[in-house]
Amino acid sequence: MNSRIALVPAALLAAPALGQNPAPVAEWPGAEIAEGVAFRGDGSVTLEASPETGLPVVTFWRPVLHDENTRYPVAGRMDCRIAASEGPFEDAAFDPQARHKAVAGQRKEQGYIDTERLASGTGVVKQLDVTGRRNGPRSHYVLSYIMARDGERLIDIRRNCTFIFGAAASRPDVLPYVNRYTRLIFAFGADAGAHGGGEG
């Protein structure tokens, strides 16, 4: 599999946009996180190399507004970390829900309170979005398990986004921000195109 996704040069990695309406996806900065898989985000994107896998790790942030269409919106920010690993494909491993179940107990001990799980997928890409909150410090999160099959290769992606708002934001709905401002783009299989964050 030799499909490649062009990297956005580091000099073009943008500062966060202040507007709530995203720019066209083609204008978003981003980078390839595994062969044939790219992350793009409408905000500030930076790269570092993972010491475990050697693959790029992406960090992303931007300002967001809760209750944006009301008279008194509440300012906040979203911070995301996106990383991938690769290995041989196995049916038993192609299961995002099992991956989360394996760490859910430990996460609960660390103060993560899951409130909702949303599963979707096909025979090529499967995704589980886990939303919840943490009280110390007060924050909300979306932890996404995104797994893709490319022939005999399994790409295992984690997108971990944390949201911090002012105290007036009692129950922010944070998953739509992830879908609005981030994309994962696959260059292989019948599911080639944008995934893991709304429409391409």
C-alpha atoms as a PDB file:
ATOM      1  CA  MET A   1       0.000   0.000   0.000  1.00  0.00           C
ATOM      2  CA  ASN A   2       1.749   3.099  -1.269  1.00  0.00           C
ATOM      3  CA  SER A   3      -0.975   5.729  -1.023  1.00  0.00           C
ATOM      4  CA  ARG A   4       0.467   8.858   0.511  1.00  0.00           C
ATOM      5  CA  ILE A   5      -1.213  11.954   1.879  1.00  0.00           C
ATOM      6  CA  ALA A   6       0.710  15.167   1.396  1.00  0.00           C
ATOM      7  CA  LEU A   7       1.854  16.821   4.602  1.00  0.00           C
ATOM      8  CA  VAL A   8       1.124  20.452   5.248  1.00  0.00           C
ATOM      9  CA  PRO A   9       4.486  22.250   5.707  1.00  0.00           C
ATOM     10  CA  ALA A  10       5.226  23.235   9.298  1.00  0.00           C
ATOM     11  CA  ALA A  11       5.424  26.878   8.263  1.00  0.00           C
ATOM     12  CA  LEU A  12       1.769  26.726   7.285  1.00  0.00           C
ATOM     13  CA  LEU A  13       0.490  25.298  10.563  1.00  0.00           C
ATOM     14  CA  ALA A  14      -2.038  27.927  11.480  1.00  0.00           C
ATOM     15  CA  ALA A  15      -2.831  29.852  14.620  1.00  0.00           C
ATOM     16  CA  PRO A  16      -6.321  29.204  16.019  1.00  0.00           C
ATOM     17  CA  ALA A  17      -9.162  30.864  14.167  1.00  0.00           C
ATOM     18  CA  LEU A  18     -11.400  32.980  16.339  1.00  0.00           C
ATOM     19  CA  GLY A  19     -14.593  32.427  14.354  1.00  0.00           C
ATOM     20  CA  GLN A  20     -16.915  29.551  15.160  1.00  0.00           C
ATOM     21  CA  ASN A  21     -17.649  28.696  11.521  1.00  0.00           C
ATOM     22  CA  PRO A  22     -14.858  26.498  10.163  1.00  0.00           C
ATOM     23  CA  ALA A  23     -12.931  27.318   7.011  1.00  0.00           C
ATOM     24  CA  PRO A  24     -13.071  24.838   4.094  1.00  0.00           C
ATOM     25  CA  VAL A  25     -11.379  21.563   5.075  1.00  0.00           C
ATOM     26  CA  ALA A  26      -8.856  21.920   2.235  1.00  0.00           C
ATOM     27  CA  GLU A  27      -7.499  25.033   3.996  1.00  0.00           C
ATOM     28  CA  TRP A  28      -7.026  23.372   7.397  1.00  0.00           C
ATOM     29  CA  PRO A  29      -3.484  22.575   8.548  1.00  0.00           C
ATOM     30  CA  GLY A  30      -2.649  18.960   9.213  1.00  0.00           C
ATOM     31  CA  ALA A  31      -0.242  16.085   8.756  1.00  0.00           C
ATOM     32  CA  GLU A  32      -0.044  12.402   7.963  1.00  0.00           C
ATOM     33  CA  ILE A  33      -0.134  10.380  11.205  1.00  0.00           C
ATOM     34  CA  ALA A  34       0.305   6.957   9.568  1.00  0.00           C
ATOM     35  CA  GLU A  35       0.731   5.813   5.987  1.00  0.00           C
ATOM     36  CA  GLY A  36      -2.474   6.748   4.158  1.00  0.00           C
ATOM     37  CA  VAL A  37      -4.042   8.499   7.185  1.00  0.00           C
ATOM     38  CA  ALA A  38      -4.015  12.265   7.764  1.00  0.00           C
ATOM     39  CA  PHE A  39      -5.369  14.517  10.504  1.00  0.00           C
ATOM     40  CA  ARG A  40      -6.634  18.001   9.722  1.00  0.00           C
ATOM     41  CA  GLY A  41      -7.924  20.573  12.166  1.00  0.00           C
ATOM     42  CA  ASP A  42      -9.330  24.094  11.985  1.00  0.00           C
ATOM     43  CA  GLY A  43      -7.015  25.557  14.593  1.00  0.00           C
ATOM     44  CA  SER A  44      -3.402  25.335  15.760  1.00  0.00           C
ATOM     45  CA  VAL A  45      -1.664  22.069  14.799  1.00  0.00           C
ATOM     46  CA  THR A  46       1.783  21.002  16.016  1.00  0.00           C
ATOM     47  CA  LEU A  47       3.773  17.790  15.523  1.00  0.00           C
ATOM     48  CA  GLU A  48       6.140  15.677  17.574  1.00  0.00           C
ATOM     49  CA  ALA A  49       7.472  12.153  17.089  1.00  0.00           C
ATOM     50  CA  SER A  50       6.230   9.329  19.305  1.00  0.00           C
ATOM     51  CA  PRO A  51       9.159   7.591  21.047  1.00  0.00           C
ATOM     52  CA  GLU A  52       7.120   4.372  21.139  1.00  0.00           C
ATOM     53  CA  THR A  53       6.003   4.120  17.498  1.00  0.00           C
ATOM     54  CA  GLY A  54       8.137   6.642  15.630  1.00  0.00           C
ATOM     55  CA  LEU A  55       4.931   7.979  14.069  1.00  0.00           C
ATOM     56  CA  PRO A  56       3.897  11.641  14.323  1.00  0.00           C
ATOM     57  CA  VAL A  57       1.798  12.746  17.293  1.00  0.00           C
ATOM     58  CA  VAL A  58      -0.445  15.734  16.598  1.00  0.00           C
ATOM     59  CA  THR A  59      -1.553  18.285  19.173  1.00  0.00           C
ATOM     60  CA  PHE A  60      -4.376  20.656  18.311  1.00  0.00           C
ATOM     61  CA  TRP A  61      -6.146  23.504  20.053  1.00  0.00           C
ATOM     62  CA  ARG A  62      -8.581  26.308  19.315  1.00  0.00           C
ATOM     63  CA  PRO A  63     -11.010  28.613  21.165  1.00  0.00           C
ATOM     64  CA  VAL A  64     -14.668  27.585  21.253  1.00  0.00           C
ATOM     65  CA  LEU A  65     -17.941  29.091  22.482  1.00  0.00           C
ATOM     66  CA  HIS A  66     -20.628  27.318  24.498  1.00  0.00           C
ATOM     67  CA  ASP A  67     -24.191  28.565  23.919  1.00  0.00           C
ATOM     68  CA  GLU A  68     -22.794  30.375  20.882  1.00  0.00           C
ATOM     69  CA  ASN A  69     -26.198  31.433  19.548  1.00  0.00           C
ATOM     70  CA  THR A  70     -27.393  32.967  22.813  1.00  0.00           C
ATOM     71  CA  ARG A  71     -26.992  36.463  24.212  1.00  0.00           C
ATOM     72  CA  TYR A  72     -24.366  35.305  26.706  1.00  0.00           C
ATOM     73  CA  PRO A  73     -22.037  32.714  25.139  1.00  0.00           C
ATOM     74  CA  VAL A  74     -19.360  31.200  27.368  1.00  0.00           C
ATOM     75  CA  ALA A  75     -15.771  31.174  26.135  1.00  0.00           C
ATOM     76  CA  GLY A  76     -13.655  28.055  26.324  1.00  0.00           C
ATOM     77  CA  ARG A  77     -10.977  26.082  24.540  1.00  0.00           C
ATOM     78  CA  MET A  78     -10.481  22.594  23.165  1.00  0.00           C
ATOM     79  CA  ASP A  79      -7.159  20.752  23.281  1.00  0.00           C
ATOM     80  CA  CYS A  80      -6.666  17.489  21.396  1.00  0.00           C
ATOM     81  CA  ARG A  81      -3.932  14.898  21.069  1.00  0.00           C
ATOM     82  CA  ILE A  82      -4.053  12.529  18.107  1.00  0.00           C
ATOM     83  CA  ALA A  83      -1.760   9.515  17.773  1.00  0.00           C
ATOM     84  CA  ALA A  84      -1.745   6.298  15.761  1.00  0.00           C
ATOM     85  CA  SER A  85      -0.122   2.895  15.961  1.00  0.00           C
ATOM     86  CA  GLU A  86       0.105   0.134  13.375  1.00  0.00           C
ATOM     87  CA  GLY A  87       0.135  -3.647  13.511  1.00  0.00           C
ATOM     88  CA  PRO A  88      -1.078  -6.773  11.739  1.00  0.00           C
ATOM     89  CA  PHE A  89      -4.832  -7.026  11.302  1.00  0.00           C
ATOM     90  CA  GLU A  90      -6.696  -9.420  13.601  1.00  0.00           C
ATOM     91  CA  ASP A  91     -10.473  -9.686  13.902  1.00  0.00           C
ATOM     92  CA  ALA A  92     -10.303  -9.752  17.711  1.00  0.00           C
ATOM     93  CA  ALA A  93      -8.293  -6.512  17.781  1.00  0.00           C
ATOM     94  CA  PHE A  94     -10.671  -4.679  15.421  1.00  0.00           C
ATOM     95  CA  ASP A  95     -12.965  -3.710  18.296  1.00  0.00           C
ATOM     96  CA  PRO A  96     -12.905  -0.142  19.682  1.00  0.00           C
ATOM     97  CA  GLN A  97     -15.410  -0.962  22.425  1.00  0.00           C
ATOM     98  CA  ALA A  98     -13.209  -3.758  23.768  1.00  0.00           C
ATOM     99  CA  ARG A  99     -10.233  -1.381  23.787  1.00  0.00           C
ATOM    100  CA  HIS A 100     -12.128   1.106  25.920  1.00  0.00           C
ATOM    101  CA  LYS A 101     -13.512  -1.566  28.238  1.00  0.00           C
ATOM    102  CA  ALA A 102      -9.946  -2.675  28.962  1.00  0.00           C
ATOM    103  CA  VAL A 103      -9.006   0.755  30.360  1.00  0.00           C
ATOM    104  CA  ALA A 104     -12.368   2.042  31.651  1.00  0.00           C
ATOM    105  CA  GLY A 105     -11.749   0.915  35.230  1.00  0.00           C
ATOM    106  CA  GLN A 106      -8.363   2.597  35.413  1.00  0.00           C
ATOM    107  CA  ARG A 107      -9.743   5.784  33.876  1.00  0.00           C
ATOM    108  CA  LYS A 108     -12.566   5.840  36.451  1.00  0.00           C
ATOM    109  CA  GLU A 109      -9.996   5.635  39.251  1.00  0.00           C
ATOM    110  CA  GLN A 110      -8.247   8.625  37.677  1.00  0.00           C
ATOM    111  CA  GLY A 111     -11.444  10.676  37.893  1.00  0.00           C
ATOM    112  CA  TYR A 112     -12.841  10.299  34.376  1.00  0.00           C
ATOM    113  CA  ILE A 113     -16.635   9.988  34.439  1.00  0.00           C
ATOM    114  CA  ASP A 114     -17.993   8.597  31.166  1.00  0.00           C
ATOM    115  CA  THR A 115     -21.494   9.820  30.346  1.00  0.00           C
ATOM    116  CA  GLU A 116     -22.139   8.568  26.804  1.00  0.00           C
ATOM    117  CA  ARG A 117     -20.700   6.216  24.191  1.00  0.00           C
ATOM    118  CA  LEU A 118     -21.439   6.496  20.481  1.00  0.00           C
ATOM    119  CA  ALA A 119     -20.319   3.648  18.200  1.00  0.00           C
ATOM    120  CA  SER A 120     -20.283   3.658  14.398  1.00  0.00           C
ATOM    121  CA  GLY A 121     -18.404   2.027  11.576  1.00  0.00           C
ATOM    122  CA  THR A 122     -18.069  -0.342   8.654  1.00  0.00           C
ATOM    123  CA  GLY A 123     -15.870  -3.268   7.741  1.00  0.00           C
ATOM    124  CA  VAL A 124     -13.038  -0.824   7.012  1.00  0.00           C
ATOM    125  CA  VAL A 125     -13.305   1.874   9.709  1.00  0.00           C
ATOM    126  CA  LYS A 126     -14.816   1.545  13.190  1.00  0.00           C
ATOM    127  CA  GLN A 127     -15.172   4.358  15.711  1.00  0.00           C
ATOM    128  CA  LEU A 128     -16.191   4.772  19.345  1.00  0.00           C
ATOM    129  CA  ASP A 129     -16.625   8.263  20.821  1.00  0.00           C
ATOM    130  CA  VAL A 130     -16.682   8.360  24.628  1.00  0.00           C
ATOM    131  CA  THR A 131     -17.846  11.634  26.161  1.00  0.00           C
ATOM    132  CA  GLY A 132     -17.659  12.576  29.807  1.00  0.00           C
ATOM    133  CA  ARG A 133     -16.311  14.939  32.433  1.00  0.00           C
ATOM    134  CA  ARG A 134     -13.660  15.243  35.099  1.00  0.00           C
ATOM    135  CA  ASN A 135     -13.989  17.275  38.281  1.00  0.00           C
ATOM    136  CA  GLY A 136     -10.375  17.969  39.163  1.00  0.00           C
ATOM    137  CA  PRO A 137      -9.698  20.097  37.227  1.00  0.00           C
ATOM    138  CA  ARG A 138     -13.220  20.691  35.954  1.00  0.00           C
ATOM    139  CA  SER A 139     -13.286  19.715  32.301  1.00  0.00           C
ATOM    140  CA  HIS A 140     -15.179  17.740  29.684  1.00  0.00           C
ATOM    141  CA  TYR A 141     -13.738  15.304  27.180  1.00  0.00           C
ATOM    142  CA  VAL A 142     -14.271  13.274  24.029  1.00  0.00           C
ATOM    143  CA  LEU A 143     -12.052  10.207  23.762  1.00  0.00           C
ATOM    144  CA  SER A 144     -12.286   8.631  20.302  1.00  0.00           C
ATOM    145  CA  TYR A 145     -11.088   5.161  19.348  1.00  0.00           C
ATOM    146  CA  ILE A 146     -10.805   5.000  15.552  1.00  0.00           C
ATOM    147  CA  MET A 147      -9.614   1.779  13.937  1.00  0.00           C
ATOM    148  CA  ALA A 148      -9.051   1.240  10.224  1.00  0.00           C
ATOM    149  CA  ARG A 149      -8.277  -1.884   8.223  1.00  0.00           C
ATOM    150  CA  ASP A 150      -5.949  -1.557   5.232  1.00  0.00           C
ATOM    151  CA  GLY A 151      -5.598  -5.101   3.923  1.00  0.00           C
ATOM    152  CA  GLU A 152      -3.472  -6.968   6.452  1.00  0.00           C
ATOM    153  CA  ARG A 153      -2.654  -3.768   8.361  1.00  0.00           C
ATOM    154  CA  LEU A 154      -4.581  -2.381  11.351  1.00  0.00           C
ATOM    155  CA  ILE A 155      -4.274   1.327  12.150  1.00  0.00           C
ATOM    156  CA  ASP A 156      -5.307   2.140  15.723  1.00  0.00           C
ATOM    157  CA  ILE A 157      -5.934   5.854  16.353  1.00  0.00           C
ATOM    158  CA  ARG A 158      -6.675   7.728  19.572  1.00  0.00           C
ATOM    159  CA  ARG A 159      -8.085  11.242  19.459  1.00  0.00           C
ATOM    160  CA  ASN A 160      -8.328  12.649  22.979  1.00  0.00           C
ATOM    161  CA  CYS A 161      -9.958  16.094  23.234  1.00  0.00           C
ATOM    162  CA  THR A 162     -10.385  18.063  26.464  1.00  0.00           C
ATOM    163  CA  PHE A 163     -12.644  21.101  26.886  1.00  0.00           C
ATOM    164  CA  ILE A 164     -12.420  23.796  29.543  1.00  0.00           C
ATOM    165  CA  PHE A 165     -15.141  26.455  29.856  1.00  0.00           C
ATOM    166  CA  GLY A 166     -16.056  29.208  32.264  1.00  0.00           C
ATOM    167  CA  ALA A 167     -18.208  28.269  35.251  1.00  0.00           C
ATOM    168  CA  ALA A 168     -21.379  29.471  33.506  1.00  0.00           C
ATOM    169  CA  ALA A 169     -21.204  26.517  31.075  1.00  0.00           C
ATOM    170  CA  SER A 170     -23.002  23.919  33.159  1.00  0.00           C
ATOM    171  CA  ARG A 171     -23.514  21.122  30.620  1.00  0.00           C
ATOM    172  CA  PRO A 172     -21.691  21.826  27.367  1.00  0.00           C
ATOM    173  CA  ASP A 173     -22.320  19.433  24.482  1.00  0.00           C
ATOM    174  CA  VAL A 174     -18.737  18.887  23.365  1.00  0.00           C
ATOM    175  CA  LEU A 175     -18.869  16.155  20.696  1.00  0.00           C
ATOM    176  CA  PRO A 176     -20.191  18.570  18.018  1.00  0.00           C
ATOM    177  CA  TYR A 177     -17.028  20.686  18.424  1.00  0.00           C
ATOM    178  CA  VAL A 178     -14.882  17.652  17.598  1.00  0.00           C
ATOM    179  CA  ASN A 179     -17.021  16.905  14.551  1.00  0.00           C
ATOM    180  CA  ARG A 180     -16.925  20.539  13.436  1.00  0.00           C
ATOM    181  CA  TYR A 181     -13.226  21.292  13.776  1.00  0.00           C
ATOM    182  CA  THR A 182     -11.333  18.023  13.202  1.00  0.00           C
ATOM    183  CA  ARG A 183     -11.090  15.413  10.442  1.00  0.00           C
ATOM    184  CA  LEU A 184      -9.315  12.144   9.834  1.00  0.00           C
ATOM    185  CA  ILE A 185      -8.813  11.427   6.146  1.00  0.00           C
ATOM    186  CA  PHE A 186      -8.140   7.927   4.803  1.00  0.00           C
ATOM    187  CA  ALA A 187      -6.565   7.304   1.403  1.00  0.00           C
ATOM    188  CA  PHE A 188      -7.386   3.621   1.091  1.00  0.00           C
ATOM    189  CA  GLY A 189     -10.302   1.206   0.917  1.00  0.00           C
ATOM    190  CA  ALA A 190     -13.955   1.717   0.100  1.00  0.00           C
ATOM    191  CA  ASP A 191     -14.184   4.212   2.982  1.00  0.00           C
ATOM    192  CA  ALA A 192     -11.521   6.558   1.577  1.00  0.00           C
ATOM    193  CA  GLY A 193     -12.330  10.141   2.537  1.00  0.00           C
ATOM    194  CA  ALA A 194     -13.072  12.093   5.703  1.00  0.00           C
ATOM    195  CA  HIS A 195     -13.902  10.263   8.935  1.00  0.00           C
ATOM    196  CA  GLY A 196     -13.854  10.712  12.653  1.00  0.00           C
ATOM    197  CA  GLY A 197     -15.135  14.247  12.640  1.00  0.00           C
ATOM    198  CA  GLY A 198     -18.167  15.060  10.578  1.00  0.00           C
ATOM    199  CA  GLU A 199     -18.519  15.533   6.865  1.00  0.00           C
ATOM    200  CA  GLY A 200     -15.568  16.033   4.571  1.00  0.00           C
END
